[in-house]
PDB file of N, CA and C in Angstrom:
ATOM      1  N   UNK A   1      17.854  17.607  -8.621  1.00  0.00           N
ATOM      2  CA  UNK A   1      16.569  17.764  -8.000  1.00  0.00           C
ATOM      3  C   UNK A   1      15.885  16.415  -7.944  1.00  0.00           C
ATOM      4  N   UNK A   2      15.251  16.136  -6.843  1.00  0.00           N
ATOM      5  CA  UNK A   2      14.438  14.925  -6.737  1.00  0.00           C
ATOM      6  C   UNK A   2      13.034  15.337  -6.313  1.00  0.00           C
ATOM      7  N   UNK A   3      12.063  14.586  -6.789  1.00  0.00           N
ATOM      8  CA  UNK A   3      10.660  14.894  -6.499  1.00  0.00           C
ATOM      9  C   UNK A   3      10.011  13.627  -6.001  1.00  0.00           C
ATOM     10  N   UNK A   4       9.580  13.621  -4.758  1.00  0.00           N
ATOM     11  CA  UNK A   4       8.940  12.449  -4.192  1.00  0.00           C
ATOM     12  C   UNK A   4       9.932  11.538  -3.496  1.00  0.00           C
ATOM     13  N   UNK A   5       9.412  10.428  -3.019  1.00  0.00           N
ATOM     14  CA  UNK A   5      10.225   9.491  -2.270  1.00  0.00           C
ATOM     15  C   UNK A   5       9.665   8.094  -2.492  1.00  0.00           C
ATOM     16  N   UNK A   6      10.559   7.113  -2.582  1.00  0.00           N
ATOM     17  CA  UNK A   6      10.125   5.728  -2.765  1.00  0.00           C
ATOM     18  C   UNK A   6      10.501   4.909  -1.542  1.00  0.00           C
ATOM     19  N   UNK A   7       9.978   3.698  -1.483  1.00  0.00           N
ATOM     20  CA  UNK A   7      10.374   2.752  -0.453  1.00  0.00           C
ATOM     21  C   UNK A   7      11.849   2.410  -0.626  1.00  0.00           C
ATOM     22  N   UNK A   8      12.502   1.868   0.393  1.00  0.00           N
ATOM     23  CA  UNK A   8      13.927   1.554   0.255  1.00  0.00           C
ATOM     24  C   UNK A   8      14.259   0.639  -0.926  1.00  0.00           C
ATOM     25  N   UNK A   9      13.357  -0.266  -1.299  1.00  0.00           N
ATOM     26  CA  UNK A   9      13.611  -1.137  -2.447  1.00  0.00           C
ATOM     27  C   UNK A   9      13.379  -0.403  -3.760  1.00  0.00           C
ATOM     28  N   UNK A  10      12.690   0.748  -3.738  1.00  0.00           N
ATOM     29  CA  UNK A  10      12.493   1.556  -4.926  1.00  0.00           C
ATOM     30  C   UNK A  10      11.341   1.137  -5.808  1.00  0.00           C
ATOM     31  N   UNK A  11      10.442   0.279  -5.316  1.00  0.00           N
ATOM     32  CA  UNK A  11       9.366  -0.228  -6.162  1.00  0.00           C
ATOM     33  C   UNK A  11       8.098   0.615  -6.057  1.00  0.00           C
ATOM     34  N   UNK A  12       7.706   1.024  -4.863  1.00  0.00           N
ATOM     35  CA  UNK A  12       6.489   1.795  -4.651  1.00  0.00           C
ATOM     36  C   UNK A  12       6.825   3.205  -4.184  1.00  0.00           C
ATOM     37  N   UNK A  13       5.996   4.170  -4.581  1.00  0.00           N
ATOM     38  CA  UNK A  13       6.236   5.551  -4.149  1.00  0.00           C
ATOM     39  C   UNK A  13       5.545   5.800  -2.813  1.00  0.00           C
ATOM     40  N   UNK A  14       6.214   6.590  -1.970  1.00  0.00           N
ATOM     41  CA  UNK A  14       5.665   6.918  -0.656  1.00  0.00           C
ATOM     42  C   UNK A  14       5.045   8.313  -0.662  1.00  0.00           C
ATOM     43  N   UNK A  15       5.729   9.276  -1.219  1.00  0.00           N
ATOM     44  CA  UNK A  15       5.227  10.652  -1.256  1.00  0.00           C
ATOM     45  C   UNK A  15       5.264  11.163  -2.682  1.00  0.00           C
ATOM     46  N   UNK A  16       4.303  11.990  -3.041  1.00  0.00           N
ATOM     47  CA  UNK A  16       4.185  12.614  -4.356  1.00  0.00           C
ATOM     48  C   UNK A  16       4.230  11.608  -5.511  1.00  0.00           C
ATOM     49  N   UNK A  17       3.292  10.653  -5.549  1.00  0.00           N
ATOM     50  CA  UNK A  17       3.290   9.744  -6.704  1.00  0.00           C
ATOM     51  C   UNK A  17       2.899  10.482  -7.984  1.00  0.00           C
ATOM     52  N   UNK A  18       3.554  10.158  -9.079  1.00  0.00           N
ATOM     53  CA  UNK A  18       3.327  10.822 -10.359  1.00  0.00           C
ATOM     54  C   UNK A  18       3.007   9.758 -11.403  1.00  0.00           C
ATOM     55  N   UNK A  19       1.896   9.952 -12.105  1.00  0.00           N
ATOM     56  CA  UNK A  19       1.532   9.032 -13.173  1.00  0.00           C
ATOM     57  C   UNK A  19       2.328   9.324 -14.436  1.00  0.00           C
ATOM     58  N   UNK A  20       2.351   8.361 -15.316  1.00  0.00           N
ATOM     59  CA  UNK A  20       3.117   8.499 -16.546  1.00  0.00           C
ATOM     60  C   UNK A  20       2.586   9.631 -17.420  1.00  0.00           C
ATOM     61  N   UNK A  21       1.267   9.763 -17.520  1.00  0.00           N
ATOM     62  CA  UNK A  21       0.683  10.815 -18.348  1.00  0.00           C
ATOM     63  C   UNK A  21       0.956  12.204 -17.766  1.00  0.00           C
ATOM     64  N   UNK A  22       0.949  12.330 -16.447  1.00  0.00           N
ATOM     65  CA  UNK A  22       1.282  13.606 -15.812  1.00  0.00           C
ATOM     66  C   UNK A  22       2.749  13.965 -16.059  1.00  0.00           C
ATOM     67  N   UNK A  23       3.615  12.972 -16.003  1.00  0.00           N
ATOM     68  CA  UNK A  23       5.042  13.190 -16.271  1.00  0.00           C
ATOM     69  C   UNK A  23       5.259  13.655 -17.705  1.00  0.00           C
ATOM     70  N   UNK A  24       4.578  13.012 -18.659  1.00  0.00           N
ATOM     71  CA  UNK A  24       4.706  13.414 -20.062  1.00  0.00           C
ATOM     72  C   UNK A  24       4.148  14.812 -20.296  1.00  0.00           C
ATOM     73  N   UNK A  25       3.029  15.144 -19.657  1.00  0.00           N
ATOM     74  CA  UNK A  25       2.458  16.483 -19.805  1.00  0.00           C
ATOM     75  C   UNK A  25       3.423  17.540 -19.282  1.00  0.00           C
ATOM     76  N   UNK A  26       4.101  17.249 -18.191  1.00  0.00           N
ATOM     77  CA  UNK A  26       5.064  18.199 -17.628  1.00  0.00           C
ATOM     78  C   UNK A  26       6.273  18.358 -18.540  1.00  0.00           C
ATOM     79  N   UNK A  27       6.767  17.249 -19.096  1.00  0.00           N
ATOM     80  CA  UNK A  27       7.905  17.339 -20.022  1.00  0.00           C
ATOM     81  C   UNK A  27       7.549  18.117 -21.280  1.00  0.00           C
ATOM     82  N   UNK A  28       6.355  17.893 -21.810  1.00  0.00           N
ATOM     83  CA  UNK A  28       5.937  18.643 -22.991  1.00  0.00           C
ATOM     84  C   UNK A  28       5.811  20.124 -22.686  1.00  0.00           C
ATOM     85  N   UNK A  29       5.355  20.464 -21.494  1.00  0.00           N
ATOM     86  CA  UNK A  29       5.253  21.866 -21.080  1.00  0.00           C
ATOM     87  C   UNK A  29       6.643  22.502 -20.991  1.00  0.00           C
ATOM     88  N   UNK A  30       7.617  21.743 -20.501  1.00  0.00           N
ATOM     89  CA  UNK A  30       8.974  22.272 -20.367  1.00  0.00           C
ATOM     90  C   UNK A  30       9.616  22.577 -21.716  1.00  0.00           C
ATOM     91  N   UNK A  31       9.275  21.820 -22.743  1.00  0.00           N
ATOM     92  CA  UNK A  31       9.845  22.090 -24.061  1.00  0.00           C
ATOM     93  C   UNK A  31       8.970  23.022 -24.886  1.00  0.00           C
ATOM     94  N   UNK A  32       7.847  23.470 -24.327  1.00  0.00           N
ATOM     95  CA  UNK A  32       7.061  24.508 -24.972  1.00  0.00           C
ATOM     96  C   UNK A  32       5.841  24.058 -25.744  1.00  0.00           C
ATOM     97  N   UNK A  33       5.381  22.814 -25.564  1.00  0.00           N
ATOM     98  CA  UNK A  33       4.203  22.321 -26.262  1.00  0.00           C
ATOM     99  C   UNK A  33       2.986  22.318 -25.354  1.00  0.00           C
ATOM    100  N   UNK A  34       1.814  22.489 -25.948  1.00  0.00           N
ATOM    101  CA  UNK A  34       0.562  22.343 -25.214  1.00  0.00           C
ATOM    102  C   UNK A  34       0.100  20.905 -25.381  1.00  0.00           C
ATOM    103  N   UNK A  35       0.075  20.147 -24.289  1.00  0.00           N
ATOM    104  CA  UNK A  35      -0.221  18.728 -24.397  1.00  0.00           C
ATOM    105  C   UNK A  35      -1.678  18.449 -24.754  1.00  0.00           C
ATOM    106  N   UNK A  36      -2.557  19.432 -24.648  1.00  0.00           N
ATOM    107  CA  UNK A  36      -3.954  19.237 -25.032  1.00  0.00           C
ATOM    108  C   UNK A  36      -4.128  19.200 -26.556  1.00  0.00           C
ATOM    109  N   UNK A  37      -3.237  19.842 -27.273  1.00  0.00           N
ATOM    110  CA  UNK A  37      -3.384  19.963 -28.725  1.00  0.00           C
ATOM    111  C   UNK A  37      -2.651  18.876 -29.508  1.00  0.00           C
ATOM    112  N   UNK A  38      -1.793  18.106 -28.869  1.00  0.00           N
ATOM    113  CA  UNK A  38      -1.032  17.085 -29.565  1.00  0.00           C
ATOM    114  C   UNK A  38      -1.798  15.769 -29.609  1.00  0.00           C
ATOM    115  N   UNK A  39      -1.896  15.184 -30.796  1.00  0.00           N
ATOM    116  CA  UNK A  39      -2.550  13.885 -30.948  1.00  0.00           C
ATOM    117  C   UNK A  39      -1.889  13.128 -32.093  1.00  0.00           C
ATOM    118  N   UNK A  40      -2.156  11.833 -32.152  1.00  0.00           N
ATOM    119  CA  UNK A  40      -1.614  10.984 -33.207  1.00  0.00           C
ATOM    120  C   UNK A  40      -2.724  10.073 -33.708  1.00  0.00           C
ATOM    121  N   UNK A  41      -2.719   9.726 -34.983  1.00  0.00           N
ATOM    122  CA  UNK A  41      -3.733   8.796 -35.488  1.00  0.00           C
ATOM    123  C   UNK A  41      -3.424   7.374 -35.028  1.00  0.00           C
ATOM    124  N   UNK A  42      -4.422   6.688 -34.494  1.00  0.00           N
ATOM    125  CA  UNK A  42      -4.260   5.310 -34.042  1.00  0.00           C
ATOM    126  C   UNK A  42      -5.567   4.571 -34.260  1.00  0.00           C
ATOM    127  N   UNK A  43      -5.571   3.613 -35.136  1.00  0.00           N
ATOM    128  CA  UNK A  43      -6.734   2.793 -35.475  1.00  0.00           C
ATOM    129  C   UNK A  43      -7.938   3.637 -35.886  1.00  0.00           C
ATOM    130  N   UNK A  44      -7.677   4.651 -36.666  1.00  0.00           N
ATOM    131  CA  UNK A  44      -8.746   5.470 -37.209  1.00  0.00           C
ATOM    132  C   UNK A  44      -9.202   6.616 -36.325  1.00  0.00           C
ATOM    133  N   UNK A  45      -8.676   6.740 -35.120  1.00  0.00           N
ATOM    134  CA  UNK A  45      -9.039   7.834 -34.214  1.00  0.00           C
ATOM    135  C   UNK A  45      -7.796   8.624 -33.842  1.00  0.00           C
ATOM    136  N   UNK A  46      -7.990   9.878 -33.490  1.00  0.00           N
ATOM    137  CA  UNK A  46      -6.879  10.688 -32.993  1.00  0.00           C
ATOM    138  C   UNK A  46      -6.764  10.497 -31.486  1.00  0.00           C
ATOM    139  N   UNK A  47      -5.633   9.976 -31.047  1.00  0.00           N
ATOM    140  CA  UNK A  47      -5.391   9.731 -29.629  1.00  0.00           C
ATOM    141  C   UNK A  47      -4.484  10.817 -29.080  1.00  0.00           C
ATOM    142  N   UNK A  48      -4.795  11.321 -27.887  1.00  0.00           N
ATOM    143  CA  UNK A  48      -3.927  12.297 -27.239  1.00  0.00           C
ATOM    144  C   UNK A  48      -2.644  11.619 -26.772  1.00  0.00           C
ATOM    145  N   UNK A  49      -1.555  12.357 -26.806  1.00  0.00           N
ATOM    146  CA  UNK A  49      -0.281  11.804 -26.369  1.00  0.00           C
ATOM    147  C   UNK A  49      -0.229  11.604 -24.862  1.00  0.00           C
ATOM    148  N   UNK A  50      -1.015  12.361 -24.119  1.00  0.00           N
ATOM    149  CA  UNK A  50      -0.990  12.249 -22.662  1.00  0.00           C
ATOM    150  C   UNK A  50      -2.195  11.508 -22.122  1.00  0.00           C
ATOM    151  N   UNK A  51      -2.882  10.736 -22.931  1.00  0.00           N
ATOM    152  CA  UNK A  51      -3.955   9.880 -22.449  1.00  0.00           C
ATOM    153  C   UNK A  51      -5.331  10.506 -22.554  1.00  0.00           C
ATOM    154  N   UNK A  52      -6.322   9.687 -22.251  1.00  0.00           N
ATOM    155  CA  UNK A  52      -7.714  10.104 -22.365  1.00  0.00           C
ATOM    156  C   UNK A  52      -8.143  10.954 -21.178  1.00  0.00           C
ATOM    157  N   UNK A  53      -7.737  10.542 -19.980  1.00  0.00           N
ATOM    158  CA  UNK A  53      -8.128  11.313 -18.802  1.00  0.00           C
ATOM    159  C   UNK A  53      -7.338  12.626 -18.737  1.00  0.00           C
ATOM    160  N   UNK A  54      -7.803  13.530 -17.952  1.00  0.00           N
ATOM    161  CA  UNK A  54      -7.163  14.845 -17.837  1.00  0.00           C
ATOM    162  C   UNK A  54      -5.810  14.710 -17.144  1.00  0.00           C
ATOM    163  N   UNK A  55      -4.749  15.050 -17.841  1.00  0.00           N
ATOM    164  CA  UNK A  55      -3.405  15.032 -17.270  1.00  0.00           C
ATOM    165  C   UNK A  55      -3.108  16.383 -16.665  1.00  0.00           C
ATOM    166  N   UNK A  56      -2.393  16.360 -15.556  1.00  0.00           N
ATOM    167  CA  UNK A  56      -2.068  17.621 -14.900  1.00  0.00           C
ATOM    168  C   UNK A  56      -0.565  17.883 -14.999  1.00  0.00           C
ATOM    169  N   UNK A  57      -0.236  19.149 -15.052  1.00  0.00           N
ATOM    170  CA  UNK A  57       1.160  19.564 -15.075  1.00  0.00           C
ATOM    171  C   UNK A  57       1.619  19.722 -13.633  1.00  0.00           C
ATOM    172  N   UNK A  58       2.775  19.192 -13.319  1.00  0.00           N
ATOM    173  CA  UNK A  58       3.304  19.234 -11.953  1.00  0.00           C
ATOM    174  C   UNK A  58       3.928  20.598 -11.688  1.00  0.00           C
ATOM    175  N   UNK A  59       3.176  21.465 -11.058  1.00  0.00           N
ATOM    176  CA  UNK A  59       3.637  22.835 -10.805  1.00  0.00           C
ATOM    177  C   UNK A  59       4.820  22.859  -9.836  1.00  0.00           C
ATOM    178  N   UNK A  60       4.907  21.876  -8.911  1.00  0.00           N
ATOM    179  CA  UNK A  60       6.027  21.843  -7.969  1.00  0.00           C
ATOM    180  C   UNK A  60       7.360  21.617  -8.672  1.00  0.00           C
ATOM    181  N   UNK A  61       7.334  20.890  -9.765  1.00  0.00           N
ATOM    182  CA  UNK A  61       8.572  20.618 -10.508  1.00  0.00           C
ATOM    183  C   UNK A  61       8.996  21.865 -11.286  1.00  0.00           C
ATOM    184  N   UNK A  62       8.024  22.623 -11.785  1.00  0.00           N
ATOM    185  CA  UNK A  62       8.347  23.797 -12.580  1.00  0.00           C
ATOM    186  C   UNK A  62       8.838  24.976 -11.755  1.00  0.00           C
ATOM    187  N   UNK A  63       8.463  25.037 -10.493  1.00  0.00           N
ATOM    188  CA  UNK A  63       8.867  26.194  -9.675  1.00  0.00           C
ATOM    189  C   UNK A  63      10.193  25.990  -9.004  1.00  0.00           C
TER     190      UNK A  63
END
């Protein structure tokens, strides 16, 4: 399965660009974890594994 399309050189995405945090949220969903509840201690604060901004799960990949 492939999702999206890149330029012929493979550097920039043309269709369906996916951010790293969205990709991680989707992978965590596939293995059965809720990415909102996972965090790690970093410099005295709990940091989310999928970043500060709201990460979305790629429903097209799951279906």
